[in-house]
N, C-alpha and C. Protein backbone atom coordinates (compact mmCIF):
# COMPACT_ATOMS: atom_id res chain seq x y z
N MET A 1 187.81 -25.81 -253.52
CA MET A 1 188.63 -24.62 -253.61
C MET A 1 187.83 -23.52 -254.30
N ARG A 2 188.11 -22.31 -253.93
CA ARG A 2 187.34 -21.18 -254.43
C ARG A 2 187.77 -20.68 -255.79
N GLU A 3 188.94 -21.10 -256.26
CA GLU A 3 189.43 -20.68 -257.56
C GLU A 3 190.12 -21.85 -258.25
N LEU A 4 189.98 -21.91 -259.56
CA LEU A 4 190.63 -22.98 -260.32
C LEU A 4 192.15 -22.82 -260.27
N SER A 5 192.64 -21.60 -260.13
CA SER A 5 194.10 -21.40 -260.05
C SER A 5 194.70 -22.14 -258.86
N LEU A 6 193.93 -22.31 -257.80
CA LEU A 6 194.43 -23.07 -256.65
C LEU A 6 194.49 -24.56 -256.96
N HIS A 7 193.54 -25.05 -257.75
CA HIS A 7 193.60 -26.44 -258.22
C HIS A 7 194.84 -26.63 -259.10
N ILE A 8 195.08 -25.65 -259.97
CA ILE A 8 196.24 -25.72 -260.86
C ILE A 8 197.52 -25.76 -260.03
N LEU A 9 197.59 -24.93 -259.02
CA LEU A 9 198.76 -24.91 -258.13
C LEU A 9 198.97 -26.29 -257.50
N ASP A 10 197.89 -26.92 -257.08
CA ASP A 10 197.96 -28.24 -256.46
C ASP A 10 198.43 -29.31 -257.45
N ILE A 11 197.89 -29.29 -258.65
CA ILE A 11 198.27 -30.28 -259.67
C ILE A 11 199.74 -30.09 -260.05
N VAL A 12 200.16 -28.83 -260.22
CA VAL A 12 201.56 -28.56 -260.56
C VAL A 12 202.48 -29.02 -259.43
N GLN A 13 202.04 -28.90 -258.20
CA GLN A 13 202.84 -29.39 -257.08
C GLN A 13 203.05 -30.90 -257.20
N ASN A 14 202.03 -31.62 -257.68
CA ASN A 14 202.20 -33.06 -257.94
C ASN A 14 203.28 -33.29 -258.99
N SER A 15 203.28 -32.46 -260.04
CA SER A 15 204.30 -32.57 -261.09
C SER A 15 205.69 -32.34 -260.53
N ILE A 16 205.81 -31.34 -259.68
CA ILE A 16 207.11 -31.03 -259.07
C ILE A 16 207.57 -32.20 -258.20
N SER A 17 206.64 -32.76 -257.43
CA SER A 17 206.97 -33.93 -256.59
C SER A 17 207.38 -35.13 -257.42
N ALA A 18 206.90 -35.19 -258.66
CA ALA A 18 207.25 -36.29 -259.55
C ALA A 18 208.54 -36.03 -260.31
N GLY A 19 209.26 -34.98 -259.95
CA GLY A 19 210.56 -34.72 -260.55
C GLY A 19 210.53 -34.02 -261.89
N ALA A 20 209.43 -33.38 -262.23
CA ALA A 20 209.34 -32.69 -263.52
C ALA A 20 210.33 -31.54 -263.60
N THR A 21 210.91 -31.34 -264.77
CA THR A 21 211.78 -30.20 -265.02
C THR A 21 211.14 -29.23 -265.99
N LEU A 22 210.06 -29.66 -266.65
CA LEU A 22 209.29 -28.82 -267.56
C LEU A 22 207.81 -29.08 -267.32
N ILE A 23 207.08 -28.02 -267.03
CA ILE A 23 205.64 -28.13 -266.78
C ILE A 23 204.92 -27.13 -267.68
N GLU A 24 203.94 -27.64 -268.42
CA GLU A 24 203.16 -26.81 -269.33
C GLU A 24 201.74 -26.67 -268.79
N ILE A 25 201.28 -25.42 -268.76
CA ILE A 25 199.92 -25.12 -268.31
C ILE A 25 199.23 -24.42 -269.47
N ASP A 26 198.12 -24.98 -269.90
CA ASP A 26 197.39 -24.45 -271.05
C ASP A 26 195.94 -24.18 -270.63
N ILE A 27 195.51 -22.94 -270.75
CA ILE A 27 194.14 -22.55 -270.41
C ILE A 27 193.45 -22.12 -271.71
N GLN A 28 192.28 -22.68 -271.98
CA GLN A 28 191.50 -22.29 -273.15
C GLN A 28 190.11 -21.85 -272.69
N GLU A 29 189.79 -20.59 -272.94
CA GLU A 29 188.47 -20.06 -272.63
C GLU A 29 187.80 -19.74 -273.96
N ASP A 30 186.76 -20.47 -274.28
CA ASP A 30 186.05 -20.27 -275.55
C ASP A 30 184.58 -20.04 -275.24
N VAL A 31 184.21 -18.77 -275.21
CA VAL A 31 182.84 -18.40 -274.86
C VAL A 31 181.87 -18.91 -275.90
N ALA A 32 182.22 -18.83 -277.18
CA ALA A 32 181.31 -19.28 -278.25
C ALA A 32 180.99 -20.77 -278.12
N SER A 33 181.97 -21.56 -277.73
CA SER A 33 181.76 -23.00 -277.54
C SER A 33 181.32 -23.34 -276.12
N ASP A 34 181.25 -22.32 -275.26
CA ASP A 34 180.86 -22.48 -273.86
C ASP A 34 181.76 -23.51 -273.17
N LEU A 35 183.08 -23.34 -273.36
CA LEU A 35 184.05 -24.31 -272.86
C LEU A 35 185.21 -23.62 -272.17
N LEU A 36 185.57 -24.14 -271.03
CA LEU A 36 186.81 -23.77 -270.35
C LEU A 36 187.63 -25.04 -270.23
N GLY A 37 188.83 -25.03 -270.77
CA GLY A 37 189.71 -26.19 -270.70
C GLY A 37 191.01 -25.85 -269.99
N ILE A 38 191.46 -26.77 -269.18
CA ILE A 38 192.75 -26.64 -268.48
C ILE A 38 193.54 -27.91 -268.76
N ASP A 39 194.76 -27.73 -269.23
CA ASP A 39 195.62 -28.86 -269.57
C ASP A 39 196.96 -28.63 -268.87
N ILE A 40 197.36 -29.57 -268.03
CA ILE A 40 198.64 -29.49 -267.32
C ILE A 40 199.45 -30.73 -267.69
N LYS A 41 200.64 -30.49 -268.23
CA LYS A 41 201.47 -31.56 -268.75
C LYS A 41 202.87 -31.43 -268.16
N ASP A 42 203.46 -32.56 -267.78
CA ASP A 42 204.81 -32.51 -267.23
C ASP A 42 205.68 -33.62 -267.79
N ASN A 43 206.98 -33.51 -267.56
CA ASN A 43 207.93 -34.54 -267.98
C ASN A 43 208.48 -35.29 -266.76
N GLY A 44 207.66 -35.42 -265.74
CA GLY A 44 208.08 -36.10 -264.51
C GLY A 44 208.13 -37.61 -264.66
N ARG A 45 208.15 -38.30 -263.53
CA ARG A 45 208.30 -39.77 -263.51
C ARG A 45 207.16 -40.51 -264.18
N GLY A 46 205.98 -39.91 -264.19
CA GLY A 46 204.82 -40.61 -264.72
C GLY A 46 204.29 -41.60 -263.70
N MET A 47 203.21 -42.27 -264.08
CA MET A 47 202.56 -43.22 -263.17
C MET A 47 202.35 -44.56 -263.87
N SER A 48 202.35 -45.60 -263.08
CA SER A 48 202.02 -46.92 -263.61
C SER A 48 200.54 -46.97 -263.93
N SER A 49 200.13 -47.95 -264.71
CA SER A 49 198.71 -48.09 -265.04
C SER A 49 197.88 -48.38 -263.80
N GLU A 50 198.46 -49.07 -262.83
CA GLU A 50 197.75 -49.36 -261.58
C GLU A 50 197.49 -48.07 -260.79
N THR A 51 198.51 -47.23 -260.68
CA THR A 51 198.36 -45.96 -259.98
C THR A 51 197.38 -45.06 -260.71
N LEU A 52 197.46 -45.05 -262.03
CA LEU A 52 196.59 -44.20 -262.84
C LEU A 52 195.11 -44.54 -262.62
N LYS A 53 194.81 -45.81 -262.40
CA LYS A 53 193.42 -46.24 -262.18
C LYS A 53 192.84 -45.67 -260.89
N THR A 54 193.68 -45.42 -259.90
CA THR A 54 193.17 -44.99 -258.59
C THR A 54 193.55 -43.55 -258.23
N VAL A 55 194.18 -42.84 -259.14
CA VAL A 55 194.75 -41.53 -258.82
C VAL A 55 193.71 -40.49 -258.40
N SER A 56 192.48 -40.60 -258.86
CA SER A 56 191.48 -39.60 -258.47
C SER A 56 190.61 -40.06 -257.30
N ASP A 57 190.97 -41.17 -256.70
CA ASP A 57 190.28 -41.65 -255.50
C ASP A 57 190.84 -40.87 -254.30
N PRO A 58 189.96 -40.19 -253.54
CA PRO A 58 190.45 -39.36 -252.44
C PRO A 58 191.12 -40.15 -251.32
N PHE A 59 190.91 -41.46 -251.27
CA PHE A 59 191.49 -42.26 -250.19
C PHE A 59 192.74 -43.01 -250.63
N VAL A 60 193.28 -42.59 -251.77
CA VAL A 60 194.53 -43.16 -252.27
C VAL A 60 195.51 -42.01 -252.45
N THR A 61 196.69 -42.14 -251.88
CA THR A 61 197.73 -41.13 -252.04
C THR A 61 199.09 -41.80 -251.96
N THR A 62 200.07 -41.17 -252.59
CA THR A 62 201.44 -41.68 -252.49
C THR A 62 202.18 -40.96 -251.36
N ARG A 63 201.56 -39.97 -250.75
CA ARG A 63 202.19 -39.24 -249.65
C ARG A 63 202.26 -40.09 -248.40
N THR A 64 203.27 -39.85 -247.62
CA THR A 64 203.40 -40.56 -246.35
C THR A 64 202.97 -39.69 -245.18
N THR A 65 202.70 -38.41 -245.44
CA THR A 65 202.35 -37.49 -244.36
C THR A 65 200.87 -37.53 -244.01
N ARG A 66 200.04 -38.02 -244.92
CA ARG A 66 198.62 -38.15 -244.63
C ARG A 66 198.04 -39.26 -245.49
N LYS A 67 196.83 -39.73 -245.12
CA LYS A 67 196.27 -40.90 -245.78
C LYS A 67 195.26 -40.58 -246.86
N VAL A 68 195.04 -39.29 -247.14
CA VAL A 68 194.11 -38.93 -248.21
C VAL A 68 194.82 -38.01 -249.20
N GLY A 69 194.38 -38.05 -250.45
CA GLY A 69 194.90 -37.19 -251.50
C GLY A 69 193.73 -36.54 -252.20
N LEU A 70 193.36 -35.36 -251.78
CA LEU A 70 192.13 -34.74 -252.25
C LEU A 70 192.27 -33.92 -253.53
N GLY A 71 193.48 -33.54 -253.90
CA GLY A 71 193.67 -32.61 -255.03
C GLY A 71 192.97 -33.01 -256.31
N LEU A 72 193.31 -34.15 -256.86
CA LEU A 72 192.71 -34.58 -258.12
C LEU A 72 191.23 -34.91 -257.98
N SER A 73 190.84 -35.50 -256.86
CA SER A 73 189.43 -35.85 -256.68
C SER A 73 188.57 -34.59 -256.56
N LEU A 74 189.06 -33.55 -255.90
CA LEU A 74 188.30 -32.29 -255.81
C LEU A 74 188.18 -31.61 -257.17
N LEU A 75 189.24 -31.63 -257.95
CA LEU A 75 189.20 -31.04 -259.28
C LEU A 75 188.23 -31.80 -260.17
N LYS A 76 188.28 -33.12 -260.11
CA LYS A 76 187.37 -33.94 -260.90
C LYS A 76 185.91 -33.65 -260.52
N SER A 77 185.64 -33.55 -259.24
CA SER A 77 184.27 -33.25 -258.78
C SER A 77 183.83 -31.87 -259.25
N ALA A 78 184.74 -30.88 -259.17
CA ALA A 78 184.42 -29.52 -259.62
C ALA A 78 184.07 -29.51 -261.11
N ALA A 79 184.81 -30.26 -261.90
CA ALA A 79 184.54 -30.33 -263.34
C ALA A 79 183.21 -31.02 -263.62
N GLU A 80 182.98 -32.16 -262.99
CA GLU A 80 181.74 -32.91 -263.22
C GLU A 80 180.52 -32.14 -262.74
N LEU A 81 180.66 -31.37 -261.68
CA LEU A 81 179.56 -30.54 -261.18
C LEU A 81 179.14 -29.51 -262.22
N CYS A 82 180.07 -29.14 -263.08
CA CYS A 82 179.81 -28.12 -264.10
C CYS A 82 179.67 -28.71 -265.50
N GLY A 83 179.28 -29.97 -265.59
CA GLY A 83 179.08 -30.60 -266.89
C GLY A 83 180.35 -30.93 -267.63
N GLY A 84 181.48 -30.92 -266.95
CA GLY A 84 182.75 -31.20 -267.58
C GLY A 84 183.30 -32.55 -267.17
N GLN A 85 184.58 -32.72 -267.39
CA GLN A 85 185.21 -33.98 -267.06
C GLN A 85 186.71 -33.79 -266.87
N MET A 86 187.34 -34.81 -266.31
CA MET A 86 188.78 -34.81 -266.13
C MET A 86 189.33 -36.11 -266.71
N ASN A 87 190.40 -36.00 -267.47
CA ASN A 87 191.10 -37.16 -268.01
C ASN A 87 192.57 -37.04 -267.65
N ILE A 88 193.14 -38.16 -267.25
CA ILE A 88 194.56 -38.19 -266.90
C ILE A 88 195.23 -39.28 -267.72
N SER A 89 196.33 -38.91 -268.34
CA SER A 89 197.14 -39.91 -269.04
C SER A 89 198.57 -39.81 -268.51
N SER A 90 199.24 -40.93 -268.46
CA SER A 90 200.58 -40.95 -267.91
C SER A 90 201.36 -42.12 -268.45
N THR A 91 202.66 -41.91 -268.61
CA THR A 91 203.57 -42.96 -269.03
C THR A 91 204.76 -42.94 -268.11
N LEU A 92 205.07 -44.10 -267.54
CA LEU A 92 206.24 -44.19 -266.65
C LEU A 92 207.48 -43.68 -267.37
N GLY A 93 208.21 -42.83 -266.70
CA GLY A 93 209.45 -42.30 -267.25
C GLY A 93 209.28 -41.16 -268.24
N LYS A 94 208.06 -40.82 -268.60
CA LYS A 94 207.84 -39.77 -269.60
C LYS A 94 207.01 -38.61 -269.08
N GLY A 95 206.11 -38.84 -268.14
CA GLY A 95 205.33 -37.74 -267.61
C GLY A 95 203.84 -38.01 -267.55
N THR A 96 203.13 -36.96 -267.16
CA THR A 96 201.69 -37.05 -266.92
C THR A 96 201.00 -35.84 -267.53
N GLU A 97 199.78 -36.04 -267.97
CA GLU A 97 198.95 -34.96 -268.49
C GLU A 97 197.58 -35.03 -267.84
N VAL A 98 197.13 -33.90 -267.30
CA VAL A 98 195.80 -33.79 -266.70
C VAL A 98 195.01 -32.81 -267.55
N LYS A 99 193.90 -33.28 -268.11
CA LYS A 99 193.03 -32.42 -268.92
C LYS A 99 191.68 -32.31 -268.22
N VAL A 100 191.23 -31.07 -268.05
CA VAL A 100 189.97 -30.82 -267.37
C VAL A 100 189.15 -29.86 -268.22
N THR A 101 187.86 -30.15 -268.33
CA THR A 101 186.96 -29.24 -269.04
C THR A 101 185.78 -28.87 -268.14
N PHE A 102 185.27 -27.68 -268.37
CA PHE A 102 184.11 -27.16 -267.67
C PHE A 102 183.19 -26.50 -268.69
N ILE A 103 181.90 -26.53 -268.44
CA ILE A 103 181.00 -25.68 -269.22
C ILE A 103 181.25 -24.26 -268.72
N TYR A 104 181.66 -23.40 -269.63
CA TYR A 104 182.13 -22.07 -269.28
C TYR A 104 181.08 -21.26 -268.52
N SER A 105 179.84 -21.32 -268.97
CA SER A 105 178.79 -20.48 -268.38
C SER A 105 178.06 -21.14 -267.21
N HIS A 106 178.47 -22.33 -266.82
CA HIS A 106 177.77 -23.04 -265.75
C HIS A 106 177.79 -22.23 -264.46
N ILE A 107 176.65 -22.12 -263.84
CA ILE A 107 176.51 -21.28 -262.65
C ILE A 107 177.39 -21.75 -261.49
N ASP A 108 177.72 -23.02 -261.43
CA ASP A 108 178.54 -23.55 -260.34
C ASP A 108 180.04 -23.57 -260.63
N ARG A 109 180.43 -23.10 -261.83
CA ARG A 109 181.86 -23.09 -262.14
C ARG A 109 182.54 -21.99 -261.34
N VAL A 110 183.56 -22.38 -260.59
CA VAL A 110 184.30 -21.38 -259.82
C VAL A 110 185.16 -20.56 -260.77
N PRO A 111 185.50 -19.34 -260.40
CA PRO A 111 186.31 -18.50 -261.29
C PRO A 111 187.72 -19.07 -261.47
N LEU A 112 188.34 -18.66 -262.57
CA LEU A 112 189.70 -19.11 -262.84
C LEU A 112 190.65 -18.63 -261.75
N GLY A 113 190.51 -17.41 -261.30
CA GLY A 113 191.39 -16.90 -260.25
C GLY A 113 192.56 -16.13 -260.83
N ASP A 114 193.51 -15.83 -260.01
CA ASP A 114 194.64 -14.99 -260.37
C ASP A 114 195.80 -15.84 -260.90
N MET A 115 195.78 -16.07 -262.19
CA MET A 115 196.82 -16.91 -262.80
C MET A 115 198.18 -16.22 -262.78
N SER A 116 198.21 -14.91 -262.80
CA SER A 116 199.48 -14.19 -262.73
C SER A 116 200.21 -14.51 -261.43
N GLU A 117 199.52 -14.41 -260.31
CA GLU A 117 200.14 -14.70 -259.02
C GLU A 117 200.43 -16.19 -258.86
N THR A 118 199.59 -17.02 -259.42
CA THR A 118 199.84 -18.47 -259.38
C THR A 118 201.15 -18.80 -260.10
N LEU A 119 201.32 -18.25 -261.30
CA LEU A 119 202.56 -18.48 -262.06
C LEU A 119 203.77 -17.92 -261.33
N LEU A 120 203.64 -16.71 -260.81
CA LEU A 120 204.77 -16.12 -260.09
C LEU A 120 205.17 -16.96 -258.88
N THR A 121 204.20 -17.46 -258.16
CA THR A 121 204.48 -18.32 -257.01
C THR A 121 205.26 -19.56 -257.45
N LEU A 122 204.80 -20.17 -258.53
CA LEU A 122 205.48 -21.38 -259.03
C LEU A 122 206.91 -21.08 -259.46
N VAL A 123 207.10 -19.99 -260.19
CA VAL A 123 208.44 -19.63 -260.69
C VAL A 123 209.36 -19.24 -259.54
N MET A 124 208.86 -18.42 -258.61
CA MET A 124 209.71 -17.97 -257.49
C MET A 124 210.15 -19.13 -256.60
N CYS A 125 209.25 -20.06 -256.36
CA CYS A 125 209.57 -21.17 -255.45
C CYS A 125 210.30 -22.31 -256.14
N ASN A 126 210.31 -22.32 -257.46
CA ASN A 126 210.92 -23.42 -258.22
C ASN A 126 211.76 -22.88 -259.37
N PRO A 127 212.79 -22.10 -259.09
CA PRO A 127 213.56 -21.47 -260.17
C PRO A 127 214.28 -22.46 -261.08
N HIS A 128 214.47 -23.68 -260.62
CA HIS A 128 215.16 -24.71 -261.40
C HIS A 128 214.24 -25.43 -262.38
N ILE A 129 212.94 -25.16 -262.29
CA ILE A 129 211.95 -25.81 -263.17
C ILE A 129 211.53 -24.81 -264.24
N ASP A 130 211.33 -25.29 -265.46
CA ASP A 130 210.85 -24.44 -266.54
C ASP A 130 209.34 -24.60 -266.67
N PHE A 131 208.68 -23.47 -266.91
CA PHE A 131 207.23 -23.43 -267.06
C PHE A 131 206.87 -22.80 -268.39
N ILE A 132 205.94 -23.41 -269.06
CA ILE A 132 205.35 -22.82 -270.26
C ILE A 132 203.87 -22.60 -269.94
N TYR A 133 203.42 -21.38 -270.12
CA TYR A 133 202.03 -21.02 -269.85
C TYR A 133 201.41 -20.49 -271.13
N ARG A 134 200.31 -21.07 -271.53
CA ARG A 134 199.57 -20.60 -272.69
C ARG A 134 198.15 -20.33 -272.22
N HIS A 135 197.65 -19.16 -272.57
CA HIS A 135 196.30 -18.80 -272.17
C HIS A 135 195.60 -18.20 -273.38
N ALA A 136 194.51 -18.82 -273.79
CA ALA A 136 193.73 -18.33 -274.92
C ALA A 136 192.33 -17.97 -274.44
N VAL A 137 191.88 -16.80 -274.84
CA VAL A 137 190.51 -16.36 -274.58
C VAL A 137 189.92 -16.05 -275.95
N ASN A 138 188.97 -16.89 -276.35
CA ASN A 138 188.39 -16.80 -277.68
C ASN A 138 189.52 -16.87 -278.71
N LYS A 139 189.77 -15.82 -279.47
CA LYS A 139 190.81 -15.88 -280.50
C LYS A 139 192.10 -15.19 -280.08
N SER A 140 192.14 -14.61 -278.88
CA SER A 140 193.36 -13.98 -278.37
C SER A 140 194.18 -15.02 -277.61
N GLU A 141 195.50 -14.88 -277.71
CA GLU A 141 196.36 -15.88 -277.08
C GLU A 141 197.62 -15.22 -276.53
N PHE A 142 198.11 -15.77 -275.42
CA PHE A 142 199.31 -15.28 -274.76
C PHE A 142 200.17 -16.47 -274.35
N TRP A 143 201.48 -16.36 -274.58
CA TRP A 143 202.44 -17.39 -274.20
C TRP A 143 203.44 -16.79 -273.22
N PHE A 144 203.87 -17.61 -272.27
CA PHE A 144 204.91 -17.22 -271.31
C PHE A 144 205.79 -18.45 -271.12
N ASP A 145 207.08 -18.29 -271.33
CA ASP A 145 208.01 -19.42 -271.26
C ASP A 145 209.22 -19.00 -270.44
N THR A 146 209.42 -19.63 -269.28
CA THR A 146 210.53 -19.22 -268.42
C THR A 146 211.89 -19.49 -269.06
N ARG A 147 211.96 -20.39 -270.02
CA ARG A 147 213.24 -20.63 -270.70
C ARG A 147 213.67 -19.37 -271.46
N GLU A 148 212.71 -18.69 -272.07
CA GLU A 148 213.01 -17.45 -272.79
C GLU A 148 213.44 -16.35 -271.81
N ILE A 149 212.75 -16.28 -270.67
CA ILE A 149 213.09 -15.26 -269.67
C ILE A 149 214.51 -15.51 -269.16
N LYS A 150 214.83 -16.77 -268.87
CA LYS A 150 216.16 -17.11 -268.36
C LYS A 150 217.25 -16.74 -269.38
N GLN A 151 216.97 -16.88 -270.67
CA GLN A 151 217.94 -16.47 -271.68
C GLN A 151 218.13 -14.96 -271.69
N MET A 152 217.03 -14.22 -271.54
CA MET A 152 217.10 -12.76 -271.56
C MET A 152 217.86 -12.20 -270.36
N ILE A 153 217.76 -12.84 -269.23
CA ILE A 153 218.37 -12.31 -268.00
C ILE A 153 219.67 -13.03 -267.65
N GLU A 154 220.27 -13.69 -268.60
CA GLU A 154 221.43 -14.54 -268.38
C GLU A 154 222.29 -14.08 -267.20
N GLY A 155 222.52 -15.02 -266.29
CA GLY A 155 223.35 -14.75 -265.13
C GLY A 155 222.58 -14.23 -263.91
N VAL A 156 221.36 -13.81 -264.10
CA VAL A 156 220.53 -13.32 -262.99
C VAL A 156 219.49 -14.39 -262.70
N GLU A 157 219.28 -14.68 -261.43
CA GLU A 157 218.29 -15.70 -261.05
C GLU A 157 216.88 -15.23 -261.42
N ILE A 158 216.05 -16.15 -261.88
CA ILE A 158 214.69 -15.81 -262.27
C ILE A 158 213.83 -15.39 -261.09
N ASN A 159 214.23 -15.79 -259.88
CA ASN A 159 213.46 -15.39 -258.70
C ASN A 159 214.07 -14.14 -258.02
N ASN A 160 214.95 -13.44 -258.71
CA ASN A 160 215.47 -12.15 -258.26
C ASN A 160 214.29 -11.18 -258.16
N THR A 161 214.27 -10.34 -257.12
CA THR A 161 213.11 -9.47 -256.87
C THR A 161 212.80 -8.55 -258.05
N GLU A 162 213.81 -8.04 -258.72
CA GLU A 162 213.55 -7.16 -259.87
C GLU A 162 212.97 -7.93 -261.03
N VAL A 163 213.43 -9.13 -261.24
CA VAL A 163 212.88 -9.97 -262.32
C VAL A 163 211.44 -10.34 -261.99
N VAL A 164 211.18 -10.69 -260.76
CA VAL A 164 209.82 -11.04 -260.33
C VAL A 164 208.89 -9.85 -260.50
N SER A 165 209.35 -8.68 -260.14
CA SER A 165 208.55 -7.46 -260.30
C SER A 165 208.20 -7.23 -261.77
N TRP A 166 209.19 -7.39 -262.65
CA TRP A 166 208.95 -7.24 -264.08
C TRP A 166 207.96 -8.31 -264.58
N MET A 167 208.16 -9.56 -264.15
CA MET A 167 207.25 -10.63 -264.58
C MET A 167 205.82 -10.36 -264.12
N ARG A 168 205.67 -9.89 -262.89
CA ARG A 168 204.33 -9.59 -262.36
C ARG A 168 203.62 -8.57 -263.25
N GLN A 169 204.32 -7.49 -263.56
CA GLN A 169 203.72 -6.45 -264.40
C GLN A 169 203.41 -7.00 -265.79
N TYR A 170 204.35 -7.72 -266.37
CA TYR A 170 204.17 -8.29 -267.71
C TYR A 170 202.99 -9.27 -267.75
N LEU A 171 202.95 -10.19 -266.80
CA LEU A 171 201.86 -11.17 -266.76
C LEU A 171 200.51 -10.49 -266.57
N ASN A 172 200.45 -9.54 -265.65
CA ASN A 172 199.19 -8.83 -265.42
C ASN A 172 198.71 -8.12 -266.68
N GLU A 173 199.62 -7.44 -267.37
CA GLU A 173 199.26 -6.72 -268.60
C GLU A 173 198.79 -7.69 -269.69
N GLN A 174 199.53 -8.76 -269.88
CA GLN A 174 199.20 -9.70 -270.95
C GLN A 174 197.89 -10.44 -270.69
N ILE A 175 197.69 -10.89 -269.47
CA ILE A 175 196.45 -11.60 -269.15
C ILE A 175 195.26 -10.64 -269.23
N LYS A 176 195.45 -9.44 -268.75
CA LYS A 176 194.38 -8.44 -268.83
C LYS A 176 194.02 -8.15 -270.29
N SER A 177 195.02 -8.10 -271.16
CA SER A 177 194.76 -7.82 -272.58
C SER A 177 193.92 -8.92 -273.23
N LEU A 178 194.01 -10.15 -272.72
CA LEU A 178 193.20 -11.24 -273.25
C LEU A 178 191.70 -10.97 -273.08
N TYR A 179 191.38 -10.21 -272.05
CA TYR A 179 189.99 -9.92 -271.72
C TYR A 179 189.60 -8.51 -272.20
N GLY A 180 190.32 -7.99 -273.19
CA GLY A 180 190.00 -6.67 -273.70
C GLY A 180 190.40 -5.54 -272.77
N GLY A 181 191.39 -5.79 -271.93
CA GLY A 181 191.87 -4.76 -271.01
C GLY A 181 191.10 -4.69 -269.69
N VAL A 182 190.14 -5.59 -269.51
CA VAL A 182 189.32 -5.56 -268.30
C VAL A 182 189.40 -6.93 -267.63
N LEU A 183 189.65 -6.93 -266.33
CA LEU A 183 189.65 -8.20 -265.58
C LEU A 183 188.55 -8.21 -264.55
C-alpha cells in the first residue's frame, strides 16, 4: 500500500469485523528517536492463541470470500523493510492490539497519508462504533474522541453532513498544527 493510513484502515476493518465497539488508534512520530509507532487497539472478540500464531501468514484468513489475508502480512513486511517490527497481542473476549514500529527516516518507509480522511471514513461508515485517535509529533499531541463529539451533538447523528464537515475542518486543522502548520 502506498500510505500507512490505508494499512490502518485495513486493520481497523478487522477490528470492526471482530465486533469492536471501541477502537483506539495511536500514532507516535518522534524525529529525535527516529521512530514512527502505530498502535491499534480494540475491544472486539479477540483471538485464540492458535489464531494469533498464524494471523500474519498471508495464506491464513478467517474470511470465507477469499483464501488469502494480506492485510497484516503486508503491514508486517512494510515495517520490517524499514527496520521496524509488528507485534500483535490478543485475548479472547477482550480484544486485540496491533503495534507497529518503523524507523522514521528510513528511505523505504511509506508516508503516513491522510489520517483526517481515514478517520472521517471510519466514523461516517461506522457511526455506532466509538473511535479514539491520538497523534503525537515530537512533543505536540492531539486527541480526538467520538464519544465527546456525540455528547456535544446530542440527538444528531455523527455521520450527519454538517457534523462531518465540521469534523473534517477540525481534524485537518489539528493534524496540521502538529507539524507546525505545514503538511
